[in-house]
Amino acid sequence: MKVNVKIIICLLILSALTANACADVLFPGTRGMERCVKIVNLDEFPEIVLVGHITGPVIQCENPYIISSDECLTKFYKANDLTIYAIDKDYLEAKGLENIDLETDPNLYSYEVEINPEWDVVNEEDPLIREDIEYSIAGFSEDKLIIYISRKVSKYNDGTPDRVEIFEEPDIPGIRLSIKENTSSDEDNIPSIDDDLPTDEGSVQDGDKVKDEGILDSIICFLKGLFNGK
C-alpha cells in the first residue's frame, strides 16, 4: 500500500496543534486568574540590567527581553520557563545582548521564576480574581541573583477587601549588594600621599634638629679655642 507523505505530515501537524489546545483547556470546576509580577527596586541596583529569557515549546514574543520595574513579567505560554539574568551594565553595553550566551556566560547571575507570572488556575468557588506580586532584589550570592517576594496584593470578586501582604528580606550569609567582587579591602591597603606627609614632616624636623645641634657645637668649639688661646 502506497503511503501519502502529505497526509502523514498534515496529521502530525494536526496532532501537535490538538495537543497544545488540550493543554490550554481548564478542568471542569476551575477558572483562570490574572497575575502580574514586577521587580520593583531596580533603581537600587543601577549598575545592572535584568534580562528575561524564555525557553519552551511556544515563543512568539521578544526573547530575550529587558525587564523594567513598571512592566509585568511574561513567559508567553504556561508550558514555557522563564529565567531572569542580572548583567553588569558596562559588560552588556560593551558586548551587546545578541552576543551573550545567557545559558553559559559565567559573568551572569540567574534566577529561575517558579510561578507563572501572568495567570494561574483556581477553583470556580474561589473569589480570588487577581494577584499583584512585587519582587525585590536582595543581592548576589555565588552565581545566583537573589530575588524575593516583598509585597503581594490579592483581589476578590465577592466584596472581600484587598489583602496586602508584606514580606521581609531573607537573611542569607555572604550575600553581596554589588554584582562585582568587592575590592575595597585592597584599595584600603594602598597608602595615600596624605598618609606619607606626617612621616616626611617628621624627617624634616629631625634633620633641622641635627643641623641646629651641629651649628651649636661649632660655636662652642670656637669659643673654647678663643679663650684657651689667651
Protein backbone atom coordinates (compact mmCIF):
# COMPACT_ATOMS: atom_id res chain seq x y z
CA MET A 1 0.00 0.00 0.00
CA LYS A 2 1.37 3.36 -1.01
CA VAL A 3 1.58 5.90 1.81
CA ASN A 4 0.75 9.53 1.08
CA VAL A 5 3.53 11.60 2.70
CA LYS A 6 1.48 14.82 2.60
CA ILE A 7 -1.33 13.20 4.56
CA ILE A 8 1.11 11.97 7.22
CA ILE A 9 2.65 15.44 7.58
CA CYS A 10 -0.81 17.04 7.90
CA LEU A 11 -1.80 14.51 10.56
CA LEU A 12 1.38 15.22 12.56
CA ILE A 13 0.76 18.95 12.43
CA LEU A 14 -2.88 18.48 13.43
CA SER A 15 -1.80 16.25 16.31
CA ALA A 16 0.63 18.87 17.60
CA LEU A 17 -1.98 21.63 17.42
CA THR A 18 -4.53 19.44 19.18
CA ALA A 19 -2.05 18.66 21.98
CA ASN A 20 -1.45 22.38 22.61
CA ALA A 21 -5.18 23.07 22.56
CA CYS A 22 -5.86 20.30 25.06
CA ALA A 23 -3.10 21.63 27.30
CA ASP A 24 -4.89 25.02 27.41
CA VAL A 25 -8.28 23.56 28.35
CA LEU A 26 -9.18 24.04 32.02
CA PHE A 27 -10.60 21.22 34.08
CA PRO A 28 -14.31 21.44 34.95
CA GLY A 29 -14.89 23.50 38.08
CA THR A 30 -11.80 25.66 37.55
CA ARG A 31 -11.14 29.07 36.01
CA GLY A 32 -8.24 31.33 35.21
CA MET A 33 -6.96 34.09 37.50
CA GLU A 34 -4.92 37.10 36.41
CA ARG A 35 -1.48 37.74 37.88
CA CYS A 36 1.08 40.50 37.44
CA VAL A 37 4.64 40.08 38.67
CA LYS A 38 7.05 43.03 38.76
CA ILE A 39 10.57 43.61 40.07
CA VAL A 40 10.24 46.93 41.83
CA ASN A 41 13.64 48.01 43.21
CA LEU A 42 15.80 48.10 40.10
CA ASP A 43 16.68 51.71 40.91
CA GLU A 44 18.65 50.45 43.93
CA PHE A 45 20.95 48.50 41.59
CA PRO A 46 21.78 50.94 38.76
CA GLU A 47 24.91 49.01 37.79
CA ILE A 48 22.93 46.03 36.44
CA VAL A 49 20.37 45.22 33.76
CA LEU A 50 17.82 42.41 34.20
CA VAL A 51 17.05 40.27 31.17
CA GLY A 52 14.19 37.77 30.89
CA HIS A 53 14.90 34.63 28.86
CA ILE A 54 12.07 32.29 27.81
CA THR A 55 12.54 28.63 26.92
CA GLY A 56 9.79 26.22 25.91
CA PRO A 57 7.54 24.95 23.13
CA VAL A 58 5.73 28.18 22.17
CA ILE A 59 7.60 31.50 21.99
CA GLN A 60 6.03 34.26 19.93
CA CYS A 61 7.29 37.38 21.66
CA GLU A 62 10.51 39.32 22.13
CA ASN A 63 13.04 36.93 23.62
CA PRO A 64 15.23 37.67 25.45
CA TYR A 65 13.80 40.95 26.71
CA ILE A 66 14.91 43.79 29.01
CA ILE A 67 12.99 43.90 32.30
CA SER A 68 11.74 47.21 33.72
CA SER A 69 10.14 47.96 37.08
CA ASP A 70 6.88 49.25 35.60
CA GLU A 71 6.10 46.27 33.34
CA CYS A 72 4.75 42.83 34.24
CA LEU A 73 6.96 39.83 33.54
CA THR A 74 5.95 37.39 30.80
CA LYS A 75 6.83 33.87 29.74
CA PHE A 76 4.19 33.98 26.94
CA TYR A 77 2.94 30.39 27.35
CA LYS A 78 2.21 28.44 30.51
CA ALA A 79 4.39 25.48 29.47
CA ASN A 80 7.40 27.76 28.97
CA ASP A 81 10.09 28.51 31.55
CA LEU A 82 11.35 31.98 32.48
CA THR A 83 14.83 32.71 33.78
CA ILE A 84 15.99 36.17 34.84
CA TYR A 85 19.63 37.12 34.32
CA ALA A 86 21.43 40.01 36.00
CA ILE A 87 24.09 41.51 33.72
CA ASP A 88 26.62 44.19 34.54
CA LYS A 89 25.53 47.26 32.57
CA ASP A 90 29.04 48.08 31.31
CA TYR A 91 29.54 44.47 30.21
CA LEU A 92 26.20 44.45 28.38
CA GLU A 93 26.91 47.72 26.58
CA ALA A 94 30.40 46.59 25.56
CA LYS A 95 29.40 43.15 24.26
CA GLY A 96 25.76 43.54 23.19
CA LEU A 97 22.89 41.33 24.29
CA GLU A 98 22.85 39.45 20.97
CA ASN A 99 26.45 38.33 21.56
CA ILE A 100 25.91 36.99 25.10
CA ASP A 101 25.12 33.31 25.62
CA LEU A 102 22.74 33.62 28.56
CA GLU A 103 22.91 29.94 29.48
CA THR A 104 26.72 29.59 29.53
CA ASP A 105 28.26 33.03 30.16
CA PRO A 106 29.98 32.89 33.60
CA ASN A 107 29.62 36.66 34.12
CA LEU A 108 25.85 36.45 34.61
CA TYR A 109 23.73 35.84 37.71
CA SER A 110 20.48 33.93 37.25
CA TYR A 111 17.12 33.42 38.95
CA GLU A 112 14.52 30.88 37.82
CA VAL A 113 10.93 32.14 38.15
CA GLU A 114 8.98 29.29 39.73
CA ILE A 115 5.43 30.69 39.35
CA ASN A 116 3.51 31.65 36.24
CA PRO A 117 4.00 35.44 36.17
CA GLU A 118 0.82 36.11 34.16
CA TRP A 119 -2.01 33.87 35.38
CA ASP A 120 -2.97 30.82 37.42
CA VAL A 121 -5.84 28.37 37.85
CA VAL A 122 -8.23 28.41 40.83
CA ASN A 123 -11.48 26.69 41.71
CA GLU A 124 -14.65 28.39 40.48
CA GLU A 125 -15.75 28.88 44.09
CA ASP A 126 -12.58 30.74 44.94
CA PRO A 127 -13.30 34.51 45.00
CA LEU A 128 -9.67 35.33 44.16
CA ILE A 129 -9.55 37.03 40.75
CA ARG A 130 -6.13 38.73 40.61
CA GLU A 131 -2.70 38.85 42.25
CA ASP A 132 -0.21 41.70 42.02
CA ILE A 133 3.15 40.40 43.20
CA GLU A 134 6.20 42.58 43.74
CA TYR A 135 9.63 41.03 43.74
CA SER A 136 12.69 42.81 45.16
CA ILE A 137 16.36 42.18 44.56
CA ALA A 138 18.23 41.24 47.74
CA GLY A 139 21.70 40.88 46.18
CA PHE A 140 24.03 38.30 44.72
CA SER A 141 25.43 35.02 46.05
CA GLU A 142 27.91 32.91 44.08
CA ASP A 143 26.35 32.71 40.57
CA LYS A 144 22.78 33.40 41.71
CA LEU A 145 20.63 36.51 41.64
CA ILE A 146 18.69 36.62 44.92
CA ILE A 147 15.09 37.80 44.44
CA TYR A 148 12.26 37.50 46.93
CA ILE A 149 8.55 38.38 47.13
CA SER A 150 8.40 41.66 49.05
CA ARG A 151 4.72 42.55 48.58
CA LYS A 152 1.58 40.76 47.42
CA VAL A 153 -1.88 42.18 46.80
CA SER A 154 -4.81 39.77 46.34
CA LYS A 155 -8.10 40.97 44.84
CA TYR A 156 -11.50 39.25 45.16
CA ASN A 157 -14.89 39.31 43.44
CA ASP A 158 -17.11 38.77 46.48
CA GLY A 159 -16.68 42.13 48.17
CA THR A 160 -13.72 41.00 50.28
CA PRO A 161 -11.24 43.89 50.76
CA ASP A 162 -7.90 43.59 49.02
CA ARG A 163 -5.43 41.59 51.05
CA VAL A 164 -1.99 43.22 51.27
CA GLU A 165 0.94 41.13 52.48
CA ILE A 166 4.45 42.44 53.21
CA PHE A 167 7.39 40.04 53.38
CA GLU A 168 10.80 40.51 55.00
CA GLU A 169 14.05 40.27 53.08
CA PRO A 170 15.68 36.85 53.54
CA ASP A 171 18.76 36.63 55.76
CA ILE A 172 21.39 34.97 53.57
CA PRO A 173 25.01 34.76 54.84
CA GLY A 174 27.62 36.12 52.45
CA ILE A 175 25.17 37.95 50.19
CA ARG A 176 26.65 40.84 48.18
CA LEU A 177 24.94 44.08 47.20
CA SER A 178 27.14 44.55 44.13
CA ILE A 179 27.38 42.30 41.10
CA LYS A 180 31.13 42.92 41.06
CA GLU A 181 33.51 41.42 43.59
CA ASN A 182 34.34 43.79 46.45
CA THR A 183 37.84 45.27 46.07
CA SER A 184 37.62 47.87 48.83
CA SER A 185 39.92 45.88 51.13
CA ASP A 186 42.71 46.00 48.54
CA GLU A 187 42.20 49.71 47.99
CA ASP A 188 42.38 50.35 51.73
CA ASN A 189 45.85 48.80 51.81
CA ILE A 190 47.22 51.25 49.21
CA PRO A 191 48.97 54.14 51.03
CA SER A 192 47.97 57.64 50.03
CA ILE A 193 50.08 60.76 49.65
CA ASP A 194 48.44 62.27 52.72
CA ASP A 195 49.44 59.22 54.78
CA ASP A 196 53.07 59.86 53.87
CA LEU A 197 53.04 63.52 54.86
CA PRO A 198 53.47 63.07 58.65
CA THR A 199 56.50 60.84 58.09
CA ASP A 200 58.08 63.35 55.72
CA GLU A 201 57.42 66.22 58.10
CA GLY A 202 58.98 64.24 60.94
CA SER A 203 62.07 63.59 58.85
CA VAL A 204 62.43 67.27 58.03
CA GLN A 205 62.10 68.24 61.69
CA ASP A 206 64.70 65.68 62.75
CA GLY A 207 67.07 66.96 60.07
CA ASP A 208 66.66 70.55 61.24
CA LYS A 209 67.37 69.42 64.82
CA VAL A 210 70.61 67.72 63.77
CA LYS A 211 71.58 70.76 61.73
CA ASP A 212 70.97 73.14 64.69
CA GLU A 213 72.99 70.93 67.04
CA GLY A 214 75.91 70.94 64.59
CA ILE A 215 75.98 74.75 64.45
CA LEU A 216 75.87 74.98 68.28
CA ASP A 217 78.80 72.59 68.62
CA SER A 218 80.79 74.70 66.16
CA ILE A 219 80.16 77.88 68.19
CA ILE A 220 81.18 76.18 71.46
CA CYS A 221 84.41 74.89 69.91
CA PHE A 222 85.21 78.38 68.55
CA LEU A 223 84.71 80.00 71.97
CA LYS A 224 86.85 77.35 73.69
CA GLY A 225 89.66 77.96 71.23
CA LEU A 226 89.37 81.71 71.66
CA PHE A 227 89.69 81.62 75.47
CA ASN A 228 92.34 78.91 75.56
CA GLY A 229 94.46 80.99 73.28
CA LYS A 230 94.67 83.91 75.76
